[in-house]
Amino acid sequence: MYNGAVGMTYEQGGIGAGLSVVTIDGDTLTLKERISHHYTTGMATIETVSKNADKLVKEFKLYFEKAVTNPPGIYKTYIVKAQNLSKVKKLAELLKKNGIAYGFGLDKNMRGYNYETKKVEGFKVDRNDLIVNLQQPKAVLANVLFEPQTAVNDSNTYDITAWALPYVYGLKAYASKESVKGTYQALEEPKEQSEIADKPYAWIFKWNSIEDAQVLIALQRANIKVRSAEQAFTIGTKVFPAGSLLVYRTENERQVKGLSSKIARIQKDLNAVAYTSASGYVDKGKDFGSNVYPILNVPKVAIVTGTGISTQGVGETWHFFEQELNYPVTMITANNIDKLDLNKINTLIMPDGNYGEDINEKLESWIENGGKVVLFEDAISSTLGKRPFNIRLRESVKNDIKVNGARKYGERNLDDLSETIPGAIFKVNLDQSHPISAGLGDYYYALKTDDKIYELLNKDWSVGVLKPNSYMSGVVGKGVLKKLDNGMLFGIQSVSKGTVVYLASDILFRSFWENGKQMFTNAVFLVN
């Protein structure tokens, strides 16, 4: 519809039925009748379109002409800050695929709505900032994808109601009522070159994108031991943030023949920049002999699938490993969880779903011996109140009792709407000192489609917390808003030698929630 089409949906009961279904009023609806009804509506649509072809073409053209002369909404320009060039590139690719015009850079001070603070503020437009001006044929689609607050006329919806791209990509952005256009057609790539050294103490690689994960995967496939910086450090004038990858020469060259040439080949193949250090000393931060540079395990990953497990959750996780990381995974059913062998599987992904009452018994010894399990959404519910899992639902805030009398019959539907959340965005405060937050910044914008929130973990790490007034965008009932006011969404628990990762939000939603891919990559590769 946002590309000028007329959108209609024809539906009829019985999607899960066989030859017939008994309707709520006691009638019988047969498969033959449903086929006939769909055929009739389909042919009627084609017939109506044919009779009004000239008008449809005229209105289709007018749709785009109006978009150029009178763009929708109160904002005329959207500016996305380029604090992470990899994410900006991906965003630009998405816009290009959808025919949305954009530019880069403008030497100008402006004022606009800050997506992060939800306030109108002044800001400076820099060279690589992405600029989307709405005076273009795809103005309606661009506005829908960027508007900070989604307007929904009918709250009776069964799809998400918040998708503003700056939140999806985790990028700082502004919406301005001033109409401006970018000066440049392309990004200005930083002039970074790999530092050449015959025998460095260590090679250092950055970590803030999926492309950087590809470097780690390639290094580990070459049997090279890789470490990760749990804290930022500085060498000379170069600041390396937490999450940066390090390869120590002396601990690798005895086992890996041609170490330098293998690293050089990986750099060339993946277009990666490598920095070098001449010694184990740094100018700021912990020296390389410190325990804040642990060796990263090589993940041997399995994904649980089968009856009771969300097919969408399984699909998006499998898709991420196979299509984006090109990383091998094993698919297992919940019935085989108790047969896990740490030598073959050390990382278990449990998508949203129901795993039964005895899941803790199947997993406890495997986790204690060094396994890592990543629990998505309702997978967490299967572990509540069971050792070794140390997580509890946060108690719900009771709704206020109505003042001045009883409920009104005519307002009964409002009670249901108060408890709905089709898909809204919340700001999550991150513990930046934990590896799962590497490359993400101070906040993560989570898409919530349920009202579940958890108590802070005792003696473990509550790495993603909702604080009061965390709601950012989308439709959410008042009852749900009260529940999601304060508590934990992301947590990490240590269990003897193993780890449990709690993710109470679908961070891989439809392979669309780009910033969530960074968090998931951190959970799989950096969290030891």
Protein backbone atom coordinates (compact mmCIF):
# COMPACT_ATOMS: atom_id res chain seq x y z
CA MET A 1 0.00 0.00 0.00
CA TYR A 2 2.88 2.34 0.72
CA ASN A 3 4.09 1.82 -2.85
CA GLY A 4 0.88 3.07 -4.42
CA ALA A 5 -1.12 -0.16 -4.50
CA VAL A 6 -4.61 -0.91 -3.20
CA GLY A 7 -4.24 -3.36 -0.33
CA MET A 8 -6.99 -5.86 0.48
CA THR A 9 -7.15 -9.15 2.37
CA TYR A 10 -9.81 -11.81 1.84
CA GLU A 11 -10.03 -14.28 4.68
CA GLN A 12 -12.43 -16.99 5.76
CA GLY A 13 -12.58 -19.33 8.75
CA GLY A 14 -11.23 -22.86 8.63
CA ILE A 15 -7.50 -22.37 7.99
CA GLY A 16 -6.72 -25.22 10.37
CA ALA A 17 -9.66 -27.37 9.35
CA GLY A 18 -10.01 -30.30 6.98
CA LEU A 19 -13.03 -30.94 4.77
CA SER A 20 -15.35 -28.87 6.98
CA VAL A 21 -15.49 -26.70 10.07
CA VAL A 22 -18.36 -25.92 12.42
CA THR A 23 -18.67 -22.14 12.76
CA ILE A 24 -19.40 -20.32 16.02
CA ASP A 25 -23.11 -20.03 15.15
CA GLY A 26 -23.41 -23.79 14.57
CA ASP A 27 -23.35 -23.76 10.76
CA THR A 28 -21.05 -25.98 8.70
CA LEU A 29 -18.51 -24.42 6.33
CA THR A 30 -16.98 -26.88 3.87
CA LEU A 31 -13.64 -26.81 2.10
CA LYS A 32 -15.49 -26.76 -1.24
CA GLU A 33 -17.41 -23.64 -0.17
CA ARG A 34 -14.25 -21.90 0.99
CA ILE A 35 -12.56 -22.60 -2.35
CA SER A 36 -15.62 -21.31 -4.19
CA HIS A 37 -15.77 -18.14 -2.09
CA HIS A 38 -12.08 -17.34 -2.63
CA TYR A 39 -12.40 -17.99 -6.35
CA THR A 40 -15.44 -15.71 -6.56
CA THR A 41 -13.80 -12.83 -4.65
CA GLY A 42 -10.60 -13.20 -6.68
CA MET A 43 -12.41 -13.08 -10.03
CA ALA A 44 -14.61 -10.19 -8.85
CA THR A 45 -11.49 -8.22 -7.95
CA ILE A 46 -9.94 -8.79 -11.38
CA GLU A 47 -13.20 -7.85 -13.08
CA THR A 48 -13.51 -4.62 -11.07
CA VAL A 49 -9.89 -3.69 -11.77
CA SER A 50 -10.41 -4.29 -15.49
CA LYS A 51 -13.49 -2.05 -15.59
CA ASN A 52 -11.60 0.74 -13.77
CA ALA A 53 -8.16 0.31 -15.32
CA ASP A 54 -7.81 3.89 -16.57
CA LYS A 55 -8.77 5.34 -13.19
CA LEU A 56 -6.41 3.00 -11.34
CA VAL A 57 -3.45 3.97 -13.55
CA LYS A 58 -4.31 7.65 -13.15
CA GLU A 59 -4.56 7.38 -9.37
CA PHE A 60 -1.34 5.34 -9.25
CA LYS A 61 0.53 8.13 -11.03
CA LEU A 62 -1.12 10.80 -8.89
CA TYR A 63 -0.03 8.95 -5.73
CA PHE A 64 3.66 9.55 -6.52
CA GLU A 65 3.14 13.08 -7.86
CA LYS A 66 1.47 14.08 -4.59
CA ALA A 67 4.33 12.52 -2.65
CA VAL A 68 6.81 14.88 -4.34
CA THR A 69 4.77 18.06 -3.99
CA ASN A 70 3.14 17.39 -0.62
CA PRO A 71 4.99 14.76 1.44
CA PRO A 72 3.06 13.23 4.34
CA GLY A 73 3.69 13.86 8.02
CA ILE A 74 5.08 16.79 9.98
CA TYR A 75 8.74 16.09 9.19
CA LYS A 76 10.44 16.92 5.89
CA THR A 77 13.88 15.37 6.42
CA TYR A 78 15.34 12.47 8.39
CA ILE A 79 19.03 12.54 9.34
CA VAL A 80 20.79 9.38 10.56
CA LYS A 81 24.13 9.90 12.31
CA ALA A 82 27.06 7.84 11.06
CA GLN A 83 28.57 6.62 14.31
CA ASN A 84 28.73 3.09 12.85
CA LEU A 85 29.53 3.06 9.13
CA SER A 86 28.75 -0.63 8.71
CA LYS A 87 25.19 -0.13 9.95
CA VAL A 88 24.77 3.03 7.86
CA LYS A 89 25.83 1.07 4.76
CA LYS A 90 23.27 -1.63 5.48
CA LEU A 91 20.57 0.96 6.00
CA ALA A 92 21.50 2.63 2.70
CA GLU A 93 21.28 -0.75 0.94
CA LEU A 94 17.77 -1.27 2.30
CA LEU A 95 16.67 2.18 1.11
CA LYS A 96 18.17 1.58 -2.34
CA LYS A 97 16.34 -1.76 -2.69
CA ASN A 98 13.07 0.05 -1.94
CA GLY A 99 13.73 2.91 -4.36
CA ILE A 100 14.03 5.53 -1.60
CA ALA A 101 16.34 8.41 -2.51
CA TYR A 102 18.99 9.53 -0.01
CA GLY A 103 22.25 11.45 0.20
CA PHE A 104 25.13 11.98 2.58
CA GLY A 105 26.63 14.93 4.41
CA LEU A 106 25.76 18.59 4.82
CA ASP A 107 27.73 21.41 6.41
CA LYS A 108 24.88 22.71 8.54
CA ASN A 109 23.63 23.09 12.09
CA MET A 110 20.00 22.02 12.47
CA ARG A 111 17.26 21.31 14.99
CA GLY A 112 15.15 18.19 15.08
CA TYR A 113 13.40 15.49 17.07
CA ASN A 114 16.00 13.26 18.73
CA TYR A 115 14.86 9.62 18.52
CA GLU A 116 16.85 8.78 21.64
CA THR A 117 15.66 11.54 23.98
CA LYS A 118 12.28 12.20 22.28
CA LYS A 119 13.03 15.92 22.49
CA VAL A 120 13.67 18.65 19.90
CA GLU A 121 17.39 19.46 20.03
CA GLY A 122 20.13 21.14 18.04
CA PHE A 123 22.67 19.01 16.16
CA LYS A 124 25.41 19.22 13.53
CA VAL A 125 25.19 17.30 10.27
CA ASP A 126 28.50 15.57 9.50
CA ARG A 127 30.02 14.32 6.24
CA ASN A 128 28.81 10.71 6.43
CA ASP A 129 25.41 11.31 7.98
CA LEU A 130 22.63 9.74 5.89
CA ILE A 131 19.93 12.21 4.80
CA VAL A 132 16.47 11.25 3.54
CA ASN A 133 14.48 14.16 2.10
CA LEU A 134 10.76 13.44 1.69
CA GLN A 135 10.32 15.44 -1.50
CA GLN A 136 10.54 12.31 -3.63
CA PRO A 137 8.18 9.78 -5.25
CA LYS A 138 8.72 7.27 -2.42
CA ALA A 139 7.91 9.83 0.29
CA VAL A 140 5.05 7.82 1.80
CA LEU A 141 7.12 4.66 2.19
CA ALA A 142 10.12 6.63 3.51
CA ASN A 143 7.94 8.40 6.06
CA VAL A 144 6.40 5.13 7.22
CA LEU A 145 9.85 3.63 7.74
CA PHE A 146 11.26 6.63 9.59
CA GLU A 147 8.44 8.32 11.53
CA PRO A 148 9.37 8.19 15.22
CA GLN A 149 5.83 7.61 16.48
CA THR A 150 3.58 5.29 14.49
CA ALA A 151 -0.03 6.40 14.09
CA VAL A 152 -2.45 3.46 13.99
CA ASN A 153 -6.15 4.21 13.49
CA ASP A 154 -7.31 0.73 14.53
CA SER A 155 -5.55 -0.89 17.48
CA ASN A 156 -7.09 -4.26 16.55
CA THR A 157 -4.02 -5.34 14.60
CA TYR A 158 -2.09 -8.60 14.36
CA ASP A 159 1.26 -7.32 13.22
CA ILE A 160 3.93 -5.12 14.78
CA THR A 161 3.13 -1.42 15.14
CA ALA A 162 6.64 0.03 15.46
CA TRP A 163 9.47 -0.26 12.96
CA ALA A 164 11.29 3.11 12.82
CA LEU A 165 14.58 2.24 11.13
CA PRO A 166 16.89 4.24 13.45
CA TYR A 167 15.70 2.02 16.31
CA VAL A 168 16.01 -1.13 14.19
CA TYR A 169 19.62 -0.34 13.29
CA GLY A 170 20.57 1.18 16.65
CA LEU A 171 21.63 4.46 15.07
CA LYS A 172 21.23 7.97 16.46
CA ALA A 173 18.86 10.02 14.31
CA TYR A 174 16.87 13.22 14.05
CA ALA A 175 13.59 14.11 12.35
CA SER A 176 13.54 17.71 11.09
CA LYS A 177 10.72 19.94 9.85
CA GLU A 178 13.29 21.67 7.61
CA SER A 179 13.70 20.38 4.05
CA VAL A 180 17.36 19.69 3.24
CA LYS A 181 19.20 17.29 0.92
CA GLY A 182 22.55 15.55 1.18
CA THR A 183 25.52 17.05 -0.64
CA TYR A 184 27.17 13.75 -1.56
CA GLN A 185 25.96 10.56 -3.25
CA ALA A 186 28.29 8.19 -1.42
CA LEU A 187 29.98 7.70 1.94
CA GLU A 188 33.51 8.90 2.50
CA GLU A 189 35.36 5.75 3.43
CA PRO A 190 37.95 6.16 6.22
CA LYS A 191 41.49 5.81 4.96
CA GLU A 192 42.50 2.93 7.18
CA GLN A 193 45.26 0.54 6.16
CA SER A 194 46.59 -2.53 7.87
CA GLU A 195 49.76 -1.97 9.83
CA ILE A 196 52.61 -4.10 8.57
CA ALA A 197 55.00 -5.73 11.05
CA ASP A 198 57.12 -8.86 10.59
CA LYS A 199 56.79 -10.07 14.15
CA PRO A 200 54.24 -8.07 16.11
CA TYR A 201 53.34 -8.95 19.66
CA ALA A 202 49.68 -9.03 18.59
CA TRP A 203 47.35 -8.37 15.70
CA ILE A 204 44.22 -6.39 16.62
CA PHE A 205 40.87 -6.32 14.77
CA LYS A 206 37.84 -4.16 15.49
CA TRP A 207 34.48 -5.59 16.56
CA ASN A 208 31.25 -3.69 15.83
CA SER A 209 29.58 -5.40 12.89
CA ILE A 210 28.67 -8.75 11.35
CA GLU A 211 31.61 -8.31 8.96
CA ASP A 212 33.93 -8.36 11.99
CA ALA A 213 32.36 -11.64 13.08
CA GLN A 214 33.35 -13.06 9.71
CA VAL A 215 36.97 -12.22 10.57
CA LEU A 216 36.73 -14.06 13.88
CA ILE A 217 35.17 -17.09 12.19
CA ALA A 218 37.92 -17.18 9.55
CA LEU A 219 40.66 -16.93 12.17
CA GLN A 220 39.19 -19.75 14.26
CA ARG A 221 38.73 -21.93 11.17
CA ALA A 222 42.46 -21.52 10.61
CA ASN A 223 43.00 -22.90 14.16
CA ILE A 224 44.22 -19.52 15.34
CA LYS A 225 43.53 -18.69 19.00
CA VAL A 226 41.67 -15.40 19.28
CA ARG A 227 41.20 -13.26 22.37
CA SER A 228 38.68 -10.52 23.05
CA ALA A 229 39.18 -7.29 24.99
CA GLU A 230 36.64 -7.02 27.80
CA GLN A 231 37.75 -3.42 28.36
CA ALA A 232 38.83 -0.60 26.05
CA PHE A 233 42.52 0.14 25.66
CA THR A 234 44.72 2.69 23.90
CA ILE A 235 47.94 2.25 21.95
CA GLY A 236 49.46 5.55 20.87
CA THR A 237 46.56 7.65 19.61
CA LYS A 238 44.41 4.66 18.63
CA VAL A 239 41.57 3.73 20.97
CA PHE A 240 40.37 0.13 20.76
CA PRO A 241 36.89 -0.38 22.26
CA ALA A 242 35.73 -3.35 24.29
CA GLY A 243 35.12 -6.36 22.06
CA SER A 244 38.22 -5.81 19.93
CA LEU A 245 39.82 -9.08 18.75
CA LEU A 246 43.45 -9.92 19.47
CA VAL A 247 45.76 -12.60 18.08
CA TYR A 248 48.92 -13.11 20.14
CA ARG A 249 51.83 -14.19 17.96
CA THR A 250 53.77 -16.29 20.48
CA GLU A 251 50.82 -18.45 21.58
CA ASN A 252 49.91 -19.22 17.95
CA GLU A 253 53.03 -19.47 15.81
CA ARG A 254 54.19 -22.81 17.24
CA GLN A 255 50.90 -24.49 16.36
CA VAL A 256 49.97 -22.56 13.22
CA LYS A 257 52.53 -22.71 10.44
CA GLY A 258 52.74 -19.56 8.35
CA LEU A 259 50.74 -17.56 10.90
CA SER A 260 51.51 -14.14 9.41
CA SER A 261 50.66 -15.20 5.87
CA LYS A 262 47.39 -16.81 6.98
CA ILE A 263 46.33 -13.64 8.79
CA ALA A 264 47.31 -11.56 5.74
CA ARG A 265 45.18 -13.82 3.52
CA ILE A 266 42.16 -13.43 5.82
CA GLN A 267 42.63 -9.65 5.80
CA LYS A 268 42.70 -9.59 2.01
CA ASP A 269 39.78 -11.97 1.50
CA LEU A 270 37.50 -10.13 3.94
CA ASN A 271 38.82 -6.62 3.31
CA ALA A 272 39.60 -6.36 7.01
CA VAL A 273 41.96 -3.88 8.65
CA ALA A 274 44.50 -5.29 11.12
CA TYR A 275 46.43 -3.18 13.60
CA THR A 276 49.60 -4.38 15.30
CA SER A 277 51.20 -3.93 18.68
CA ALA A 278 54.96 -4.13 19.14
CA SER A 279 54.66 -5.16 22.79
CA GLY A 280 52.26 -6.35 25.44
CA TYR A 281 52.11 -2.91 27.02
CA VAL A 282 49.38 -0.37 26.30
CA ASP A 283 49.28 3.37 26.91
CA LYS A 284 45.87 3.28 28.58
CA GLY A 285 43.95 0.33 29.95
CA LYS A 286 45.07 -3.15 30.95
CA ASP A 287 48.26 -4.61 29.47
CA PHE A 288 47.92 -7.74 27.32
CA GLY A 289 49.01 -10.04 30.13
CA SER A 290 45.83 -9.18 32.02
CA ASN A 291 42.86 -11.53 32.43
CA VAL A 292 40.55 -9.06 30.65
CA TYR A 293 41.73 -10.60 27.35
CA PRO A 294 40.25 -14.14 27.51
CA ILE A 295 40.66 -16.70 24.74
CA LEU A 296 37.38 -17.16 22.88
CA ASN A 297 35.86 -20.61 22.60
CA VAL A 298 34.98 -21.94 19.17
CA PRO A 299 31.16 -22.27 19.23
CA LYS A 300 29.76 -25.66 18.25
CA VAL A 301 26.15 -24.69 17.76
CA ALA A 302 22.87 -26.60 17.85
CA ILE A 303 19.37 -25.15 17.38
CA VAL A 304 16.36 -26.84 18.97
CA THR A 305 13.37 -27.45 16.71
CA GLY A 306 10.24 -29.60 16.65
CA THR A 307 6.78 -29.74 18.18
CA GLY A 308 5.97 -26.81 20.44
CA ILE A 309 8.87 -24.69 19.16
CA SER A 310 8.20 -21.52 17.15
CA THR A 311 8.88 -22.23 13.46
CA GLN A 312 9.54 -18.52 12.93
CA GLY A 313 12.02 -18.49 15.82
CA VAL A 314 13.83 -21.53 14.45
CA GLY A 315 13.79 -20.17 10.91
CA GLU A 316 15.23 -16.75 11.67
CA THR A 317 17.99 -18.25 13.83
CA TRP A 318 18.90 -20.90 11.26
CA HIS A 319 18.77 -18.26 8.49
CA PHE A 320 21.17 -16.00 10.41
CA PHE A 321 23.81 -18.71 10.82
CA GLU A 322 23.45 -20.11 7.31
CA GLN A 323 22.88 -17.00 5.18
CA GLU A 324 24.68 -14.21 7.05
CA LEU A 325 27.48 -15.92 8.97
CA ASN A 326 27.94 -19.01 6.76
CA TYR A 327 28.40 -20.90 10.01
CA PRO A 328 27.57 -24.59 10.52
CA VAL A 329 24.79 -25.53 12.93
CA THR A 330 23.15 -28.79 13.98
CA MET A 331 19.35 -29.06 14.21
CA ILE A 332 18.09 -31.21 17.09
CA THR A 333 14.70 -31.91 18.63
CA ALA A 334 13.82 -31.16 22.25
CA ASN A 335 13.68 -34.94 22.90
CA ASN A 336 17.41 -35.17 22.20
CA ILE A 337 18.56 -32.36 24.48
CA ASP A 338 19.55 -34.85 27.19
CA LYS A 339 21.95 -36.51 24.73
CA LEU A 340 24.16 -33.43 24.21
CA ASP A 341 27.90 -34.09 24.06
CA LEU A 342 30.09 -31.10 24.99
CA ASN A 343 32.77 -32.28 22.57
CA LYS A 344 30.28 -31.89 19.72
CA ILE A 345 27.89 -29.17 20.95
CA ASN A 346 28.91 -26.43 23.41
CA THR A 347 26.34 -23.77 22.44
CA LEU A 348 22.62 -24.53 22.41
CA ILE A 349 20.09 -22.09 20.92
CA MET A 350 16.54 -22.52 22.25
CA PRO A 351 14.09 -20.40 20.19
CA ASP A 352 10.75 -19.18 21.51
CA GLY A 353 8.59 -22.16 22.49
CA ASN A 354 7.40 -24.64 25.09
CA TYR A 355 10.07 -27.11 26.21
CA GLY A 356 8.21 -29.09 28.86
CA GLU A 357 8.52 -29.55 32.59
CA ASP A 358 11.79 -31.52 32.65
CA ILE A 359 14.00 -29.25 30.55
CA ASN A 360 16.18 -28.40 33.56
CA GLU A 361 16.91 -32.07 34.24
CA LYS A 362 18.02 -32.54 30.65
CA LEU A 363 20.32 -29.51 30.65
CA GLU A 364 21.72 -29.12 34.16
CA SER A 365 24.80 -31.36 33.99
CA TRP A 366 25.63 -30.25 30.41
CA ILE A 367 25.58 -26.57 31.48
CA GLU A 368 27.55 -27.19 34.68
CA ASN A 369 30.29 -28.91 32.68
CA GLY A 370 30.73 -25.93 30.37
CA GLY A 371 27.76 -25.68 28.02
CA LYS A 372 26.20 -22.37 27.00
CA VAL A 373 22.45 -22.15 26.41
CA VAL A 374 20.75 -19.14 24.80
CA LEU A 375 17.06 -18.88 25.72
CA PHE A 376 14.67 -16.79 23.59
CA GLU A 377 11.37 -15.39 24.89
CA ASP A 378 9.01 -18.19 26.06
CA ALA A 379 11.89 -20.66 26.22
CA ILE A 380 12.69 -18.79 29.44
CA SER A 381 9.23 -19.64 30.81
CA SER A 382 10.06 -23.36 30.71
CA THR A 383 12.95 -22.78 33.14
CA LEU A 384 11.23 -20.61 35.78
CA GLY A 385 11.61 -21.89 39.33
CA LYS A 386 13.89 -24.76 38.30
CA ARG A 387 17.52 -25.28 39.18
CA PRO A 388 20.04 -24.38 37.86
CA PHE A 389 18.15 -21.46 36.31
CA ASN A 390 18.08 -18.40 38.54
CA ILE A 391 15.43 -16.22 36.90
CA ARG A 392 12.04 -15.01 38.12
CA LEU A 393 9.19 -13.17 36.47
CA ARG A 394 8.67 -9.69 37.81
CA GLU A 395 5.38 -9.43 39.64
CA SER A 396 2.73 -7.57 37.66
CA VAL A 397 1.49 -4.19 38.83
CA LYS A 398 -2.20 -4.43 39.59
CA ASN A 399 -4.45 -2.26 37.45
CA ASP A 400 -6.10 0.67 39.19
CA ILE A 401 -9.68 0.04 40.32
CA LYS A 402 -12.14 2.25 38.46
CA VAL A 403 -13.38 5.19 40.44
CA ASN A 404 -17.04 6.17 40.68
CA GLY A 405 -18.80 2.91 40.08
CA ALA A 406 -18.75 -0.32 38.13
CA ARG A 407 -17.48 -1.14 34.66
CA LYS A 408 -19.57 -0.18 31.68
CA TYR A 409 -20.70 -2.94 29.35
CA GLY A 410 -20.07 -0.76 26.30
CA GLU A 411 -16.40 -0.36 27.31
CA ARG A 412 -15.67 -4.09 27.71
CA ASN A 413 -13.43 -4.15 24.60
CA LEU A 414 -11.21 -1.47 26.12
CA ASP A 415 -10.20 -3.93 28.85
CA ASP A 416 -8.78 -6.26 26.20
CA LEU A 417 -6.94 -3.41 24.45
CA SER A 418 -5.34 -2.44 27.75
CA GLU A 419 -3.51 -5.78 27.74
CA THR A 420 -2.40 -5.76 24.08
CA ILE A 421 1.06 -5.17 22.65
CA PRO A 422 1.14 -5.92 18.91
CA GLY A 423 4.80 -4.95 18.74
CA ALA A 424 6.24 -1.85 20.43
CA ILE A 425 9.78 -0.53 20.91
CA PHE A 426 11.39 -0.01 24.32
CA LYS A 427 14.77 1.48 25.25
CA VAL A 428 16.95 -1.02 27.10
CA ASN A 429 19.80 0.27 29.27
CA LEU A 430 22.89 -1.86 28.65
CA ASP A 431 25.74 -2.86 30.95
CA GLN A 432 28.53 -1.74 28.64
CA SER A 433 31.15 -3.58 30.67
CA HIS A 434 29.71 -6.96 29.64
CA PRO A 435 30.83 -8.64 26.37
CA ILE A 436 27.23 -9.05 25.16
CA SER A 437 27.07 -5.24 24.78
CA ALA A 438 30.19 -4.89 22.61
CA GLY A 439 29.58 -2.56 19.67
CA LEU A 440 26.06 -1.61 20.79
CA GLY A 441 26.50 1.62 22.76
CA ASP A 442 24.58 2.75 25.84
CA TYR A 443 21.18 1.50 24.71
CA TYR A 444 19.50 -1.25 22.75
CA TYR A 445 16.04 -0.74 21.27
CA ALA A 446 14.02 -3.90 21.83
CA LEU A 447 10.89 -4.95 19.99
CA LYS A 448 8.46 -6.39 22.55
CA THR A 449 5.45 -8.45 21.53
CA ASP A 450 4.57 -9.72 25.03
CA ASP A 451 4.37 -8.34 28.57
CA LYS A 452 6.99 -10.59 30.18
CA ILE A 453 9.73 -8.91 32.18
CA TYR A 454 12.02 -10.37 34.83
CA GLU A 455 13.51 -9.60 38.22
CA LEU A 456 17.17 -8.56 38.31
CA LEU A 457 19.42 -11.60 38.64
CA ASN A 458 20.88 -12.29 42.08
CA LYS A 459 24.69 -12.58 42.00
CA ASP A 460 24.65 -12.65 38.18
CA TRP A 461 24.51 -10.12 35.37
CA SER A 462 21.40 -8.13 34.47
CA VAL A 463 22.89 -6.71 31.29
CA GLY A 464 19.74 -5.25 29.70
CA VAL A 465 17.31 -3.38 31.95
CA LEU A 466 14.13 -1.44 31.33
CA LYS A 467 13.93 1.65 33.49
CA PRO A 468 10.80 3.79 34.05
CA ASN A 469 9.57 5.55 30.90
CA SER A 470 11.44 3.19 28.53
CA TYR A 471 8.58 3.10 26.00
CA MET A 472 9.61 4.62 22.67
CA SER A 473 7.14 3.80 19.88
CA GLY A 474 4.23 1.59 18.80
CA VAL A 475 0.86 0.49 20.15
CA VAL A 476 0.86 -0.81 23.72
CA GLY A 477 -2.02 -1.05 26.19
CA LYS A 478 -1.95 0.81 29.48
CA GLY A 479 -1.94 -2.44 31.44
CA VAL A 480 1.09 -3.76 29.55
CA LEU A 481 2.87 -0.40 29.84
CA LYS A 482 2.64 -0.63 33.63
CA LYS A 483 4.16 -4.12 33.59
CA LEU A 484 7.06 -3.11 31.32
CA ASP A 485 8.04 -0.18 33.49
CA ASN A 486 11.01 -1.55 35.38
CA GLY A 487 12.87 -4.88 35.15
CA MET A 488 15.27 -7.08 33.19
CA LEU A 489 15.03 -8.16 29.54
CA PHE A 490 18.55 -9.52 28.98
CA GLY A 491 20.59 -11.44 31.52
CA ILE A 492 23.65 -13.69 31.81
CA GLN A 493 23.95 -16.36 34.48
CA SER A 494 27.05 -18.36 35.37
CA VAL A 495 26.38 -22.00 36.30
CA SER A 496 29.58 -23.69 37.47
CA LYS A 497 31.65 -23.87 34.24
CA GLY A 498 28.69 -23.02 32.00
CA THR A 499 26.55 -20.06 31.01
CA VAL A 500 22.88 -19.24 30.52
CA VAL A 501 21.88 -16.31 28.30
CA TYR A 502 18.35 -14.95 28.77
CA LEU A 503 16.89 -12.97 25.85
CA ALA A 504 13.32 -11.82 26.61
CA SER A 505 12.92 -10.17 23.20
CA ASP A 506 13.16 -11.52 19.66
CA ILE A 507 16.46 -9.87 18.73
CA LEU A 508 16.51 -11.60 15.31
CA PHE A 509 12.94 -10.63 14.41
CA ARG A 510 12.30 -11.67 10.77
CA SER A 511 15.99 -11.08 10.00
CA PHE A 512 15.00 -7.42 10.07
CA TRP A 513 16.08 -6.18 13.52
CA GLU A 514 19.66 -5.41 12.47
CA ASN A 515 21.03 -4.23 15.83
CA GLY A 516 19.82 -7.45 17.43
CA LYS A 517 22.11 -9.41 15.13
CA GLN A 518 25.08 -7.73 16.83
CA MET A 519 23.82 -8.71 20.29
CA PHE A 520 23.17 -12.29 19.19
CA THR A 521 26.63 -12.52 17.63
CA ASN A 522 28.11 -11.28 20.91
CA ALA A 523 26.12 -13.89 22.84
CA VAL A 524 27.35 -16.72 20.62
CA PHE A 525 30.99 -15.73 20.12
CA LEU A 526 32.07 -13.35 22.93
CA VAL A 527 30.18 -14.55 26.01
CA ASN A 528 32.32 -17.28 27.57
